[in-house]
Amino acid sequence: MITRSHGRRPFYPAYGYYGLPFSYSDYYEPYEVEYPPPQPPPEPPAPAAQVKTEPLPDPVLLELHGSQWVRVRNFGESSARALAADTVPRAPSKPLPPAILVYRDGHTEELSSYSIIGESIYTKADYWSTGAWTRTIQIADLDIPATLRKNHERGVAFELPSGPDEVMIRP
């Protein structure tokens, strides 16, 4: 009589844990297999004709100083001039008025910060009400002449990129 405890099958040496006999294949290769020696790598091809490469552009870092973008040339320089520039008190900048977007259906929307990349405007969104941190607005959904006119009337500099590689950022 076979008794089982705790829902497990007993171990039988002839049958293993699962009650089946061990089976081994007779078709295994012997361990002393002769492998061919590794071949040397192929010779590199002859050099091709001289290819003229264009120099890569230098990276550019821009910082917003007040209402003007300034190119930074001294990355992390700790000269006395740079330290003195940090100690000069700056006048507090007034907040920029929000930009107005006029949609094709006539409704408007105000944006305080946005980025225009390609054919989309990216702006902040309320994660708790919309489920996303950013919101995408297609430029094709806007009435561009009315948007530019409204912002010009309010004195807000709203510009669209002039080409596909240009990015517009408003803090």
N, C-alpha and C. Protein backbone atom coordinates (compact mmCIF):
# COMPACT_ATOMS: atom_id res chain seq x y z
N MET A 1 0.84 -1.18 0.00
CA MET A 1 0.00 0.00 0.00
C MET A 1 0.89 1.25 0.00
N ILE A 2 0.55 2.19 -0.88
CA ILE A 2 1.32 3.43 -1.01
C ILE A 2 0.56 4.53 -0.29
N THR A 3 1.25 5.20 0.59
CA THR A 3 0.63 6.32 1.29
C THR A 3 1.25 7.61 0.78
N ARG A 4 0.43 8.59 0.64
CA ARG A 4 0.91 9.89 0.18
C ARG A 4 0.68 10.91 1.28
N SER A 5 1.64 11.79 1.41
CA SER A 5 1.49 12.81 2.45
C SER A 5 1.68 14.18 1.82
N HIS A 6 0.91 15.11 2.24
CA HIS A 6 1.00 16.52 1.83
C HIS A 6 0.85 16.71 0.32
N GLY A 7 0.17 15.85 -0.36
CA GLY A 7 -0.10 16.02 -1.76
C GLY A 7 1.09 15.80 -2.68
N ARG A 8 2.20 15.28 -2.17
CA ARG A 8 3.37 15.06 -3.00
C ARG A 8 3.48 13.57 -3.32
N ARG A 9 4.06 13.31 -4.47
CA ARG A 9 4.30 11.92 -4.84
C ARG A 9 5.57 11.45 -4.14
N PRO A 10 5.58 10.23 -3.71
CA PRO A 10 6.81 9.73 -3.06
C PRO A 10 7.90 9.49 -4.08
N PHE A 11 9.12 9.44 -3.62
CA PHE A 11 10.27 9.20 -4.47
C PHE A 11 10.54 7.72 -4.53
N TYR A 12 10.55 7.19 -5.74
CA TYR A 12 10.92 5.79 -5.95
C TYR A 12 12.19 5.80 -6.78
N PRO A 13 13.27 5.22 -6.27
CA PRO A 13 14.55 5.31 -6.98
C PRO A 13 14.49 4.80 -8.41
N ALA A 14 13.73 3.82 -8.69
CA ALA A 14 13.69 3.28 -10.05
C ALA A 14 12.87 4.15 -10.98
N TYR A 15 11.94 4.94 -10.45
CA TYR A 15 11.03 5.70 -11.29
C TYR A 15 11.21 7.22 -11.18
N GLY A 16 12.02 7.69 -10.28
CA GLY A 16 12.19 9.13 -10.11
C GLY A 16 11.02 9.73 -9.35
N TYR A 17 10.91 11.04 -9.36
CA TYR A 17 9.86 11.73 -8.59
C TYR A 17 8.50 11.60 -9.24
N TYR A 18 8.44 11.48 -10.52
CA TYR A 18 7.14 11.53 -11.18
C TYR A 18 6.61 10.15 -11.56
N GLY A 19 7.30 9.12 -11.10
CA GLY A 19 6.80 7.79 -11.33
C GLY A 19 7.13 7.23 -12.69
N LEU A 20 7.92 7.92 -13.49
CA LEU A 20 8.28 7.42 -14.82
C LEU A 20 9.73 6.98 -14.79
N PRO A 21 10.07 5.93 -15.48
CA PRO A 21 11.48 5.52 -15.49
C PRO A 21 12.32 6.55 -16.24
N PHE A 22 13.56 6.65 -15.82
CA PHE A 22 14.47 7.56 -16.49
C PHE A 22 14.77 7.03 -17.88
N SER A 23 14.75 7.90 -18.85
CA SER A 23 15.07 7.46 -20.20
C SER A 23 16.19 8.33 -20.74
N TYR A 24 17.12 7.67 -21.38
CA TYR A 24 18.24 8.36 -21.97
C TYR A 24 18.28 8.02 -23.44
N SER A 25 18.63 8.98 -24.23
CA SER A 25 18.69 8.74 -25.66
C SER A 25 20.00 8.06 -26.02
N ASP A 26 19.97 7.16 -26.95
CA ASP A 26 21.17 6.51 -27.45
C ASP A 26 21.78 7.27 -28.62
N TYR A 27 21.22 8.42 -28.94
CA TYR A 27 21.66 9.14 -30.12
C TYR A 27 22.53 10.35 -29.79
N TYR A 28 23.07 10.44 -28.58
CA TYR A 28 23.96 11.54 -28.25
C TYR A 28 25.28 11.37 -28.96
N GLU A 29 25.89 12.51 -29.33
CA GLU A 29 27.21 12.47 -29.95
C GLU A 29 28.25 12.18 -28.88
N PRO A 30 29.35 11.57 -29.27
CA PRO A 30 30.41 11.35 -28.27
C PRO A 30 31.02 12.69 -27.87
N TYR A 31 31.65 12.71 -26.71
CA TYR A 31 32.21 13.94 -26.21
C TYR A 31 33.48 14.36 -26.93
N GLU A 32 34.15 13.45 -27.58
CA GLU A 32 35.41 13.75 -28.26
C GLU A 32 35.14 14.11 -29.72
N VAL A 33 34.38 15.14 -29.96
CA VAL A 33 34.07 15.55 -31.32
C VAL A 33 35.20 16.42 -31.83
N GLU A 34 35.62 16.19 -33.05
CA GLU A 34 36.67 16.98 -33.66
C GLU A 34 36.02 18.18 -34.38
N TYR A 35 36.30 19.36 -33.90
CA TYR A 35 35.80 20.57 -34.53
C TYR A 35 36.88 21.15 -35.42
N PRO A 36 36.51 21.76 -36.53
CA PRO A 36 37.55 22.34 -37.39
C PRO A 36 38.19 23.55 -36.70
N PRO A 37 39.46 23.81 -36.99
CA PRO A 37 40.11 24.96 -36.35
C PRO A 37 39.48 26.26 -36.84
N PRO A 38 39.50 27.30 -36.02
CA PRO A 38 38.89 28.57 -36.43
C PRO A 38 39.64 29.18 -37.61
N GLN A 39 38.88 29.77 -38.51
CA GLN A 39 39.45 30.39 -39.69
C GLN A 39 39.86 31.82 -39.36
N PRO A 40 40.96 32.32 -39.94
CA PRO A 40 41.34 33.71 -39.69
C PRO A 40 40.30 34.64 -40.32
N PRO A 41 40.15 35.84 -39.75
CA PRO A 41 39.16 36.78 -40.31
C PRO A 41 39.56 37.17 -41.74
N PRO A 42 38.56 37.49 -42.55
CA PRO A 42 38.88 37.87 -43.94
C PRO A 42 39.66 39.18 -43.97
N GLU A 43 40.45 39.32 -45.02
CA GLU A 43 41.25 40.53 -45.19
C GLU A 43 40.32 41.73 -45.43
N PRO A 44 40.64 42.90 -44.85
CA PRO A 44 39.79 44.07 -45.10
C PRO A 44 39.91 44.48 -46.57
N PRO A 45 38.82 45.01 -47.12
CA PRO A 45 38.86 45.43 -48.52
C PRO A 45 39.81 46.61 -48.71
N ALA A 46 40.24 46.78 -49.92
CA ALA A 46 41.14 47.89 -50.24
C ALA A 46 40.42 49.21 -49.97
N PRO A 47 41.15 50.23 -49.55
CA PRO A 47 40.49 51.51 -49.27
C PRO A 47 39.81 52.06 -50.51
N ALA A 48 38.61 52.55 -50.30
CA ALA A 48 37.83 53.12 -51.40
C ALA A 48 38.34 54.52 -51.70
N ALA A 49 37.73 55.12 -52.68
CA ALA A 49 38.10 56.47 -53.06
C ALA A 49 37.87 57.41 -51.87
N GLN A 50 38.65 58.46 -51.81
CA GLN A 50 38.56 59.41 -50.71
C GLN A 50 37.16 60.03 -50.68
N VAL A 51 36.48 59.93 -49.53
CA VAL A 51 35.15 60.50 -49.37
C VAL A 51 35.29 61.81 -48.62
N LYS A 52 34.70 62.84 -49.17
CA LYS A 52 34.77 64.15 -48.55
C LYS A 52 33.67 64.25 -47.49
N THR A 53 34.06 64.43 -46.24
CA THR A 53 33.09 64.52 -45.16
C THR A 53 32.96 65.97 -44.73
N GLU A 54 31.74 66.33 -44.39
CA GLU A 54 31.49 67.69 -43.92
C GLU A 54 31.78 67.74 -42.43
N PRO A 55 32.32 68.84 -41.94
CA PRO A 55 32.57 68.93 -40.50
C PRO A 55 31.24 69.00 -39.74
N LEU A 56 31.23 68.38 -38.57
CA LEU A 56 30.03 68.41 -37.73
C LEU A 56 29.90 69.78 -37.08
N PRO A 57 28.69 70.28 -36.93
CA PRO A 57 28.53 71.58 -36.28
C PRO A 57 28.83 71.46 -34.79
N ASP A 58 29.29 72.55 -34.21
CA ASP A 58 29.57 72.58 -32.78
C ASP A 58 28.26 72.61 -32.00
N PRO A 59 28.23 71.98 -30.82
CA PRO A 59 27.01 72.06 -30.01
C PRO A 59 26.80 73.47 -29.49
N VAL A 60 25.56 73.83 -29.31
CA VAL A 60 25.22 75.18 -28.87
C VAL A 60 24.35 75.07 -27.62
N LEU A 61 24.67 75.88 -26.60
CA LEU A 61 23.86 75.95 -25.39
C LEU A 61 23.33 77.38 -25.29
N LEU A 62 22.01 77.51 -25.20
CA LEU A 62 21.38 78.82 -25.08
C LEU A 62 20.72 78.93 -23.72
N GLU A 63 20.85 80.09 -23.09
CA GLU A 63 20.20 80.38 -21.81
C GLU A 63 19.33 81.61 -21.98
N LEU A 64 18.24 81.61 -21.24
CA LEU A 64 17.33 82.75 -21.28
C LEU A 64 17.74 83.73 -20.19
N HIS A 65 18.20 84.90 -20.57
CA HIS A 65 18.56 85.97 -19.63
C HIS A 65 17.53 87.07 -19.79
N GLY A 66 16.61 87.14 -18.85
CA GLY A 66 15.52 88.10 -18.95
C GLY A 66 14.59 87.69 -20.07
N SER A 67 14.54 88.49 -21.13
CA SER A 67 13.70 88.15 -22.28
C SER A 67 14.54 87.88 -23.52
N GLN A 68 15.86 87.63 -23.33
CA GLN A 68 16.75 87.45 -24.47
C GLN A 68 17.51 86.13 -24.32
N TRP A 69 17.63 85.38 -25.42
CA TRP A 69 18.39 84.14 -25.42
C TRP A 69 19.85 84.49 -25.67
N VAL A 70 20.76 83.95 -24.83
CA VAL A 70 22.19 84.24 -24.91
C VAL A 70 22.94 82.92 -25.10
N ARG A 71 23.90 82.92 -26.02
CA ARG A 71 24.71 81.72 -26.25
C ARG A 71 25.77 81.62 -25.16
N VAL A 72 25.89 80.45 -24.53
CA VAL A 72 26.87 80.22 -23.47
C VAL A 72 28.13 79.67 -24.12
N ARG A 73 29.25 80.32 -23.85
CA ARG A 73 30.51 79.90 -24.44
C ARG A 73 31.47 79.31 -23.41
N ASN A 74 31.32 79.67 -22.15
CA ASN A 74 32.24 79.19 -21.11
C ASN A 74 31.50 78.19 -20.21
N PHE A 75 31.48 76.94 -20.61
CA PHE A 75 30.77 75.90 -19.88
C PHE A 75 31.48 75.62 -18.56
N GLY A 76 30.87 76.01 -17.45
CA GLY A 76 31.41 75.70 -16.13
C GLY A 76 32.68 76.45 -15.79
N GLU A 77 32.98 77.54 -16.48
CA GLU A 77 34.19 78.29 -16.18
C GLU A 77 34.04 78.99 -14.84
N SER A 78 35.05 78.88 -13.99
CA SER A 78 34.95 79.48 -12.66
C SER A 78 35.92 80.65 -12.54
N SER A 79 35.91 81.52 -13.50
CA SER A 79 36.76 82.69 -13.44
C SER A 79 36.14 83.74 -12.54
N ALA A 80 36.93 84.71 -12.16
CA ALA A 80 36.43 85.78 -11.28
C ALA A 80 35.33 86.56 -11.98
N ARG A 81 35.44 86.69 -13.31
CA ARG A 81 34.43 87.43 -14.05
C ARG A 81 33.08 86.70 -14.00
N ALA A 82 33.11 85.37 -14.14
CA ALA A 82 31.87 84.59 -14.09
C ALA A 82 31.27 84.64 -12.69
N LEU A 83 32.12 84.59 -11.65
CA LEU A 83 31.61 84.66 -10.29
C LEU A 83 31.05 86.04 -9.99
N ALA A 84 31.69 87.09 -10.50
CA ALA A 84 31.19 88.43 -10.27
C ALA A 84 29.86 88.64 -10.97
N ALA A 85 29.68 88.03 -12.12
CA ALA A 85 28.42 88.17 -12.85
C ALA A 85 27.27 87.54 -12.08
N ASP A 86 27.57 86.49 -11.30
CA ASP A 86 26.52 85.84 -10.53
C ASP A 86 26.09 86.66 -9.32
N THR A 87 26.98 87.53 -8.84
CA THR A 87 26.65 88.30 -7.64
C THR A 87 25.93 89.60 -7.95
N VAL A 88 25.87 89.99 -9.22
CA VAL A 88 25.19 91.22 -9.60
C VAL A 88 23.68 91.01 -9.43
N PRO A 89 23.02 91.87 -8.66
CA PRO A 89 21.58 91.68 -8.50
C PRO A 89 20.85 91.98 -9.81
N ARG A 90 19.92 91.14 -10.12
CA ARG A 90 19.15 91.31 -11.35
C ARG A 90 17.76 91.80 -10.99
N ALA A 91 17.22 92.59 -11.91
CA ALA A 91 15.86 93.09 -11.70
C ALA A 91 14.90 91.93 -11.90
N PRO A 92 13.90 91.80 -11.03
CA PRO A 92 12.95 90.70 -11.21
C PRO A 92 12.20 90.86 -12.53
N SER A 93 12.13 89.79 -13.29
CA SER A 93 11.45 89.87 -14.58
C SER A 93 9.96 89.66 -14.36
N LYS A 94 9.18 90.43 -15.09
CA LYS A 94 7.73 90.29 -14.96
C LYS A 94 7.28 89.06 -15.73
N PRO A 95 6.26 88.39 -15.28
CA PRO A 95 5.81 87.19 -15.98
C PRO A 95 5.27 87.55 -17.37
N LEU A 96 5.53 86.67 -18.31
CA LEU A 96 5.05 86.87 -19.67
C LEU A 96 3.55 86.63 -19.74
N PRO A 97 2.84 87.44 -20.50
CA PRO A 97 1.41 87.16 -20.67
C PRO A 97 1.23 85.87 -21.47
N PRO A 98 0.18 85.14 -21.22
CA PRO A 98 -0.01 83.87 -21.95
C PRO A 98 -0.29 84.11 -23.43
N ALA A 99 0.13 83.15 -24.23
CA ALA A 99 -0.16 83.19 -25.66
C ALA A 99 -1.57 82.66 -25.89
N ILE A 100 -2.22 83.15 -26.94
CA ILE A 100 -3.58 82.72 -27.25
C ILE A 100 -3.55 81.87 -28.52
N LEU A 101 -4.19 80.72 -28.45
CA LEU A 101 -4.35 79.87 -29.62
C LEU A 101 -5.80 79.98 -30.08
N VAL A 102 -6.01 80.24 -31.36
CA VAL A 102 -7.35 80.30 -31.93
C VAL A 102 -7.51 79.06 -32.82
N TYR A 103 -8.48 78.24 -32.49
CA TYR A 103 -8.72 77.02 -33.24
C TYR A 103 -9.59 77.30 -34.46
N ARG A 104 -9.61 76.37 -35.39
CA ARG A 104 -10.41 76.53 -36.60
C ARG A 104 -11.90 76.63 -36.32
N ASP A 105 -12.36 75.99 -35.25
CA ASP A 105 -13.79 76.06 -34.93
C ASP A 105 -14.15 77.34 -34.18
N GLY A 106 -13.16 78.20 -33.87
CA GLY A 106 -13.43 79.50 -33.28
C GLY A 106 -13.11 79.60 -31.79
N HIS A 107 -12.98 78.51 -31.07
CA HIS A 107 -12.69 78.64 -29.64
C HIS A 107 -11.21 78.97 -29.44
N THR A 108 -10.92 79.60 -28.30
CA THR A 108 -9.55 80.03 -28.01
C THR A 108 -9.06 79.34 -26.75
N GLU A 109 -7.73 79.37 -26.58
CA GLU A 109 -7.09 78.77 -25.42
C GLU A 109 -5.84 79.57 -25.10
N GLU A 110 -5.54 79.75 -23.81
CA GLU A 110 -4.34 80.46 -23.40
C GLU A 110 -3.30 79.47 -22.92
N LEU A 111 -2.04 79.69 -23.34
CA LEU A 111 -0.92 78.84 -22.93
C LEU A 111 0.16 79.72 -22.33
N SER A 112 0.66 79.32 -21.16
CA SER A 112 1.73 80.11 -20.54
C SER A 112 3.11 79.56 -20.90
N SER A 113 3.23 78.25 -21.10
CA SER A 113 4.51 77.68 -21.53
C SER A 113 4.22 76.57 -22.53
N TYR A 114 5.06 76.49 -23.56
CA TYR A 114 4.85 75.49 -24.59
C TYR A 114 6.14 75.30 -25.36
N SER A 115 6.19 74.24 -26.15
CA SER A 115 7.27 73.96 -27.09
C SER A 115 6.63 73.58 -28.41
N ILE A 116 7.16 74.14 -29.50
CA ILE A 116 6.66 73.79 -30.83
C ILE A 116 7.76 72.98 -31.50
N ILE A 117 7.45 71.72 -31.76
CA ILE A 117 8.41 70.81 -32.38
C ILE A 117 7.71 70.16 -33.57
N GLY A 118 8.23 70.42 -34.74
CA GLY A 118 7.64 69.85 -35.95
C GLY A 118 6.26 70.45 -36.19
N GLU A 119 5.25 69.60 -36.29
CA GLU A 119 3.89 70.05 -36.57
C GLU A 119 3.01 70.02 -35.33
N SER A 120 3.62 70.01 -34.12
CA SER A 120 2.84 69.89 -32.89
C SER A 120 3.30 70.92 -31.86
N ILE A 121 2.36 71.33 -31.04
CA ILE A 121 2.63 72.19 -29.89
C ILE A 121 2.47 71.32 -28.65
N TYR A 122 3.50 71.29 -27.81
CA TYR A 122 3.46 70.49 -26.58
C TYR A 122 3.35 71.45 -25.41
N THR A 123 2.42 71.19 -24.51
CA THR A 123 2.22 72.03 -23.35
C THR A 123 1.96 71.15 -22.14
N LYS A 124 1.99 71.78 -20.97
CA LYS A 124 1.74 71.04 -19.73
C LYS A 124 0.28 70.62 -19.64
N ALA A 125 0.05 69.52 -18.95
CA ALA A 125 -1.31 69.06 -18.71
C ALA A 125 -1.41 68.66 -17.25
N ASP A 126 -2.60 68.65 -16.71
CA ASP A 126 -2.84 68.24 -15.34
C ASP A 126 -3.00 66.72 -15.32
N TYR A 127 -2.01 66.05 -14.77
CA TYR A 127 -2.02 64.58 -14.78
C TYR A 127 -3.24 64.02 -14.07
N TRP A 128 -3.67 64.65 -13.01
CA TRP A 128 -4.75 64.10 -12.19
C TRP A 128 -6.11 64.21 -12.87
N SER A 129 -6.26 65.17 -13.78
CA SER A 129 -7.55 65.27 -14.47
C SER A 129 -7.52 64.69 -15.88
N THR A 130 -6.33 64.70 -16.54
CA THR A 130 -6.27 64.21 -17.91
C THR A 130 -5.56 62.87 -18.04
N GLY A 131 -4.76 62.49 -17.07
CA GLY A 131 -4.01 61.24 -17.13
C GLY A 131 -2.70 61.35 -17.88
N ALA A 132 -2.26 62.59 -18.18
CA ALA A 132 -0.99 62.77 -18.89
C ALA A 132 -0.30 64.02 -18.36
N TRP A 133 1.03 64.04 -18.46
CA TRP A 133 1.79 65.21 -18.01
C TRP A 133 1.88 66.26 -19.10
N THR A 134 1.82 65.83 -20.36
CA THR A 134 1.88 66.78 -21.47
C THR A 134 0.68 66.57 -22.38
N ARG A 135 0.38 67.62 -23.12
CA ARG A 135 -0.73 67.58 -24.06
C ARG A 135 -0.20 68.03 -25.41
N THR A 136 -0.66 67.39 -26.46
CA THR A 136 -0.21 67.70 -27.82
C THR A 136 -1.33 68.37 -28.59
N ILE A 137 -1.00 69.50 -29.21
CA ILE A 137 -1.94 70.25 -30.04
C ILE A 137 -1.36 70.29 -31.44
N GLN A 138 -2.10 69.83 -32.41
CA GLN A 138 -1.64 69.86 -33.79
C GLN A 138 -1.78 71.27 -34.35
N ILE A 139 -0.75 71.76 -35.01
CA ILE A 139 -0.79 73.10 -35.60
C ILE A 139 -1.85 73.16 -36.69
N ALA A 140 -2.13 72.04 -37.33
CA ALA A 140 -3.15 72.00 -38.38
C ALA A 140 -4.55 72.28 -37.83
N ASP A 141 -4.75 72.11 -36.51
CA ASP A 141 -6.05 72.37 -35.90
C ASP A 141 -6.26 73.86 -35.59
N LEU A 142 -5.24 74.68 -35.78
CA LEU A 142 -5.31 76.10 -35.43
C LEU A 142 -5.64 76.97 -36.64
N ASP A 143 -6.26 78.10 -36.36
CA ASP A 143 -6.44 79.15 -37.37
C ASP A 143 -5.22 80.05 -37.22
N ILE A 144 -4.20 79.80 -38.04
CA ILE A 144 -2.90 80.46 -37.88
C ILE A 144 -2.99 81.98 -38.02
N PRO A 145 -3.65 82.54 -39.06
CA PRO A 145 -3.70 84.00 -39.16
C PRO A 145 -4.40 84.64 -37.96
N ALA A 146 -5.48 84.03 -37.48
CA ALA A 146 -6.18 84.61 -36.33
C ALA A 146 -5.34 84.48 -35.06
N THR A 147 -4.61 83.40 -34.91
CA THR A 147 -3.74 83.22 -33.74
C THR A 147 -2.63 84.26 -33.73
N LEU A 148 -1.99 84.47 -34.88
CA LEU A 148 -0.92 85.47 -34.95
C LEU A 148 -1.46 86.88 -34.72
N ARG A 149 -2.63 87.18 -35.26
CA ARG A 149 -3.24 88.51 -35.08
C ARG A 149 -3.58 88.77 -33.62
N LYS A 150 -4.23 87.80 -32.94
CA LYS A 150 -4.61 87.98 -31.53
C LYS A 150 -3.39 88.20 -30.65
N ASN A 151 -2.33 87.41 -30.89
CA ASN A 151 -1.13 87.57 -30.07
C ASN A 151 -0.42 88.88 -30.34
N HIS A 152 -0.43 89.33 -31.60
CA HIS A 152 0.18 90.61 -31.93
C HIS A 152 -0.58 91.76 -31.27
N GLU A 153 -1.92 91.67 -31.23
CA GLU A 153 -2.72 92.71 -30.58
C GLU A 153 -2.41 92.79 -29.08
N ARG A 154 -2.12 91.67 -28.45
CA ARG A 154 -1.82 91.64 -27.02
C ARG A 154 -0.35 91.92 -26.73
N GLY A 155 0.50 91.99 -27.77
CA GLY A 155 1.93 92.24 -27.57
C GLY A 155 2.70 90.99 -27.18
N VAL A 156 2.18 89.83 -27.50
CA VAL A 156 2.83 88.57 -27.19
C VAL A 156 3.57 88.09 -28.43
N ALA A 157 4.84 87.74 -28.25
CA ALA A 157 5.64 87.23 -29.36
C ALA A 157 5.35 85.74 -29.54
N PHE A 158 4.45 85.42 -30.47
CA PHE A 158 4.12 84.04 -30.80
C PHE A 158 4.63 83.79 -32.20
N GLU A 159 5.63 82.88 -32.31
CA GLU A 159 6.23 82.58 -33.61
C GLU A 159 6.15 81.09 -33.86
N LEU A 160 6.01 80.75 -35.12
CA LEU A 160 6.02 79.36 -35.55
C LEU A 160 7.37 79.06 -36.17
N PRO A 161 7.82 77.82 -36.12
CA PRO A 161 9.11 77.47 -36.73
C PRO A 161 9.09 77.74 -38.24
N SER A 162 10.23 78.19 -38.75
CA SER A 162 10.31 78.48 -40.17
C SER A 162 10.74 77.27 -40.98
N GLY A 163 11.17 76.19 -40.33
CA GLY A 163 11.59 74.99 -41.03
C GLY A 163 11.40 73.77 -40.16
N PRO A 164 11.61 72.57 -40.72
CA PRO A 164 11.37 71.35 -39.95
C PRO A 164 12.38 71.10 -38.84
N ASP A 165 13.57 71.70 -38.91
CA ASP A 165 14.59 71.46 -37.90
C ASP A 165 14.63 72.53 -36.82
N GLU A 166 13.68 73.44 -36.83
CA GLU A 166 13.68 74.52 -35.85
C GLU A 166 12.67 74.20 -34.75
N VAL A 167 13.06 74.49 -33.52
CA VAL A 167 12.21 74.24 -32.34
C VAL A 167 11.98 75.57 -31.64
N MET A 168 10.72 75.84 -31.31
CA MET A 168 10.39 77.08 -30.61
C MET A 168 10.01 76.70 -29.17
N ILE A 169 10.60 77.43 -28.20
CA ILE A 169 10.34 77.14 -26.78
C ILE A 169 9.94 78.44 -26.10
N ARG A 170 8.90 78.35 -25.31
CA ARG A 170 8.50 79.48 -24.48
C ARG A 170 8.48 79.00 -23.05
N PRO A 171 9.28 79.63 -22.19
CA PRO A 171 9.34 79.16 -20.79
C PRO A 171 8.03 79.33 -20.06
